Amino acid sequence: MDEQAPDKKIDTREGMDKWLSTFLKLVGLELVLSVIFISLGYISGNQYFRGVGIGLLIAWVTGALAYFVVRKRA
């Protein structure tokens, strides 16, 4: 009887921790992809790849800031 019914709401703290964990993984993926694209752009001399890498880097910084703000409030 200790099991949670599927229709009941998940505890706010538990749901927030799961959300933050998933968000942190996505932010990490953005960082890795940005490094790959920036490196690929410099190796191949392709400005397009460098631009994609810079865009992902900007997204990473924005996501990291959002993560820390939400984490601080939680």
Protein backbone atom coordinates (compact mmCIF):
# COMPACT_ATOMS: atom_id res chain seq x y z
CA MET A 1 0.00 0.00 0.00
CA ASP A 2 3.04 2.31 0.11
CA GLU A 3 3.20 2.50 -3.67
CA GLN A 4 2.13 5.73 -5.27
CA ALA A 5 -0.88 5.52 -7.54
CA PRO A 6 -0.13 6.66 -11.10
CA ASP A 7 -2.84 9.32 -11.00
CA LYS A 8 -1.48 11.02 -7.86
CA LYS A 9 0.74 14.09 -8.16
CA ILE A 10 4.44 13.61 -7.62
CA ASP A 11 5.92 15.49 -4.70
CA THR A 12 7.11 18.92 -5.84
CA ARG A 13 10.64 18.38 -4.53
CA GLU A 14 10.95 15.02 -6.28
CA GLY A 15 9.63 16.41 -9.55
CA MET A 16 11.95 19.42 -9.35
CA ASP A 17 15.00 17.21 -8.73
CA LYS A 18 14.14 15.06 -11.75
CA TRP A 19 13.62 18.16 -13.89
CA LEU A 20 16.94 19.68 -12.78
CA SER A 21 18.75 16.42 -13.47
CA THR A 22 17.37 16.25 -17.00
CA PHE A 23 18.08 19.94 -17.58
CA LEU A 24 21.66 19.53 -16.39
CA LYS A 25 22.21 16.67 -18.85
CA LEU A 26 20.91 18.83 -21.71
CA VAL A 27 23.16 21.72 -20.70
CA GLY A 28 26.11 19.33 -20.64
CA LEU A 29 25.20 18.05 -24.09
CA GLU A 30 25.13 21.63 -25.42
CA LEU A 31 28.60 22.22 -24.01
CA VAL A 32 30.02 19.07 -25.59
CA LEU A 33 28.41 19.82 -28.96
CA SER A 34 29.64 23.42 -28.92
CA VAL A 35 33.22 22.27 -28.31
CA ILE A 36 32.93 19.73 -31.12
CA PHE A 37 31.53 22.24 -33.61
CA ILE A 38 34.02 24.99 -32.70
CA SER A 39 36.92 22.53 -33.01
CA LEU A 40 35.58 21.17 -36.29
CA GLY A 41 35.19 24.72 -37.59
CA TYR A 42 38.78 25.62 -36.80
CA ILE A 43 40.18 22.34 -38.13
CA SER A 44 38.27 22.52 -41.40
CA GLY A 45 38.37 26.31 -41.68
CA ASN A 46 34.58 26.37 -42.08
CA GLN A 47 32.95 29.47 -40.62
CA TYR A 48 29.54 27.80 -40.60
CA PHE A 49 30.65 25.16 -38.09
CA ARG A 50 32.30 27.81 -35.94
CA GLY A 51 29.06 29.82 -35.99
CA VAL A 52 27.03 26.79 -34.94
CA GLY A 53 29.52 26.17 -32.13
CA ILE A 54 29.30 29.77 -30.93
CA GLY A 55 25.48 29.58 -31.02
CA LEU A 56 25.56 26.41 -28.93
CA LEU A 57 28.02 28.05 -26.54
CA ILE A 58 25.61 30.96 -26.06
CA ALA A 59 22.80 28.46 -25.46
CA TRP A 60 25.00 26.63 -22.96
CA VAL A 61 25.76 29.80 -20.97
CA THR A 62 22.08 30.76 -20.95
CA GLY A 63 21.05 27.27 -19.85
CA ALA A 64 23.72 27.14 -17.15
CA LEU A 65 22.58 30.49 -15.76
CA ALA A 66 18.97 29.31 -15.75
CA TYR A 67 20.01 26.08 -14.00
CA PHE A 68 21.80 27.94 -11.21
CA VAL A 69 18.96 30.41 -10.73
CA VAL A 70 16.37 27.62 -10.48
CA ARG A 71 18.67 25.54 -8.26
CA LYS A 72 19.16 28.49 -5.92
CA ARG A 73 15.39 28.98 -5.59
CA ALA A 74 14.70 25.26 -5.01
